[in-house]
C-alpha atoms as a PDB file:
ATOM      1  CA  MET A   1     104.911  85.496 125.791  1.00  0.00           C
ATOM      2  CA  THR A   2     101.515  84.279 124.557  1.00  0.00           C
ATOM      3  CA  THR A   3     100.308  80.813 124.556  1.00  0.00           C
ATOM      4  CA  PRO A   4      98.510  79.062 121.588  1.00  0.00           C
ATOM      5  CA  PRO A   5      94.825  78.507 121.977  1.00  0.00           C
ATOM      6  CA  VAL A   6      93.877  75.112 123.436  1.00  0.00           C
ATOM      7  CA  THR A   7      90.884  74.384 121.136  1.00  0.00           C
ATOM      8  CA  THR A   8      91.020  74.288 117.361  1.00  0.00           C
ATOM      9  CA  PRO A   9      88.625  76.554 115.391  1.00  0.00           C
ATOM     10  CA  PRO A  10      85.517  74.794 113.988  1.00  0.00           C
ATOM     11  CA  THR A  11      85.487  73.829 110.419  1.00  0.00           C
ATOM     12  CA  THR A  12      83.166  72.106 108.085  1.00  0.00           C
ATOM     13  CA  PRO A  13      83.033  68.331 108.599  1.00  0.00           C
ATOM     14  CA  PRO A  14      84.517  66.348 105.646  1.00  0.00           C
ATOM     15  CA  GLN A  15      81.012  64.887 104.870  1.00  0.00           C
ATOM     16  CA  THR A  16      79.369  68.371 104.647  1.00  0.00           C
ATOM     17  CA  ALA A  17      79.585  70.293 101.402  1.00  0.00           C
ATOM     18  CA  PRO A  18      78.434  74.018 101.908  1.00  0.00           C
ATOM     19  CA  GLY A  19      75.944  75.456  99.605  1.00  0.00           C
ATOM     20  CA  TYR A  20      75.737  78.902  98.033  1.00  0.00           C
ATOM     21  CA  GLY A  21      75.753  80.591 101.325  1.00  0.00           C
ATOM     22  CA  PRO A  22      78.499  80.353 103.819  1.00  0.00           C
ATOM     23  CA  PRO A  23      77.829  77.877 106.824  1.00  0.00           C
ATOM     24  CA  GLY A  24      77.253  79.270 110.372  1.00  0.00           C
ATOM     25  CA  THR A  25      75.426  82.455 109.382  1.00  0.00           C
ATOM     26  CA  GLY A  26      71.863  81.177 110.033  1.00  0.00           C
ATOM     27  CA  GLY A  27      71.303  79.414 106.547  1.00  0.00           C
ATOM     28  CA  ALA A  28      73.682  76.446 107.374  1.00  0.00           C
ATOM     29  CA  GLY A  29      75.043  76.899 103.752  1.00  0.00           C
ATOM     30  CA  SER A  30      71.732  76.998 101.889  1.00  0.00           C
ATOM     31  CA  SER A  31      70.540  79.499  99.812  1.00  0.00           C
ATOM     32  CA  ASN A  32      67.716  79.983  97.288  1.00  0.00           C
ATOM     33  CA  PRO A  33      69.252  79.156  93.824  1.00  0.00           C
ATOM     34  CA  ALA A  34      67.042  81.864  92.274  1.00  0.00           C
ATOM     35  CA  ASN A  35      69.277  84.433  94.095  1.00  0.00           C
ATOM     36  CA  LEU A  36      72.003  83.480  91.676  1.00  0.00           C
ATOM     37  CA  ALA A  37      69.885  84.035  88.620  1.00  0.00           C
ATOM     38  CA  ILE A  38      68.312  87.158  89.879  1.00  0.00           C
ATOM     39  CA  GLY A  39      71.866  88.774  90.837  1.00  0.00           C
ATOM     40  CA  SER A  40      73.347  87.802  87.592  1.00  0.00           C
ATOM     41  CA  GLY A  41      70.119  89.218  85.742  1.00  0.00           C
ATOM     42  CA  LEU A  42      70.680  92.486  87.558  1.00  0.00           C
ATOM     43  CA  LEU A  43      74.439  92.602  86.816  1.00  0.00           C
ATOM     44  CA  LEU A  44      73.615  92.011  83.025  1.00  0.00           C
ATOM     45  CA  LEU A  45      70.889  94.644  83.016  1.00  0.00           C
ATOM     46  CA  ALA A  46      73.189  97.230  84.679  1.00  0.00           C
ATOM     47  CA  GLY A  47      75.800  96.360  81.881  1.00  0.00           C
ATOM     48  CA  ALA A  48      73.177  96.905  79.139  1.00  0.00           C
ATOM     49  CA  ILE A  49      72.121 100.194  80.538  1.00  0.00           C
ATOM     50  CA  THR A  50      75.667 101.298  80.829  1.00  0.00           C
ATOM     51  CA  ILE A  51      76.418 100.353  77.215  1.00  0.00           C
ATOM     52  CA  THR A  52      73.336 102.131  75.971  1.00  0.00           C
ATOM     53  CA  ASP A  53      74.229 105.349  77.680  1.00  0.00           C
ATOM     54  CA  VAL A  54      77.639 105.366  76.393  1.00  0.00           C
ATOM     55  CA  ALA A  55      76.407 104.709  73.002  1.00  0.00           C
ATOM     56  CA  GLN A  56      73.973 107.653  73.196  1.00  0.00           C
ATOM     57  CA  ARG A  57      76.630 109.992  74.745  1.00  0.00           C
ATOM     58  CA  ARG A  58      78.893 109.243  71.815  1.00  0.00           C
ATOM     59  CA  ARG A  59      76.102 109.699  69.335  1.00  0.00           C
ATOM     60  CA  ARG A  60      75.191 112.993  70.856  1.00  0.00           C
ATOM     61  CA  ALA A  61      78.813 114.196  70.992  1.00  0.00           C
ATOM     62  CA  THR A  62      79.332 113.270  67.159  1.00  0.00           C
ATOM     63  CA  THR A  63      75.958 114.945  65.889  1.00  0.00           C
ATOM     64  CA  GLY A  64      76.015 117.723  68.372  1.00  0.00           C
ATOM     65  CA  LYS A  65      72.296 117.103  69.354  1.00  0.00           C
END
């Protein structure tokens, strides 16, 4: 039979609101807000490249060039 742990796991105090990064990973919940913009921009760029590639492939398949 196992016994439950004596201590409770640490949680974020009620007066603390974590930031973009998870607390306890060295950043204490803080992250550069530019990271959010850079990540979103990269995802949008990847989507645009994918859409352009699909359109070119369809055009080539239709025209045979």
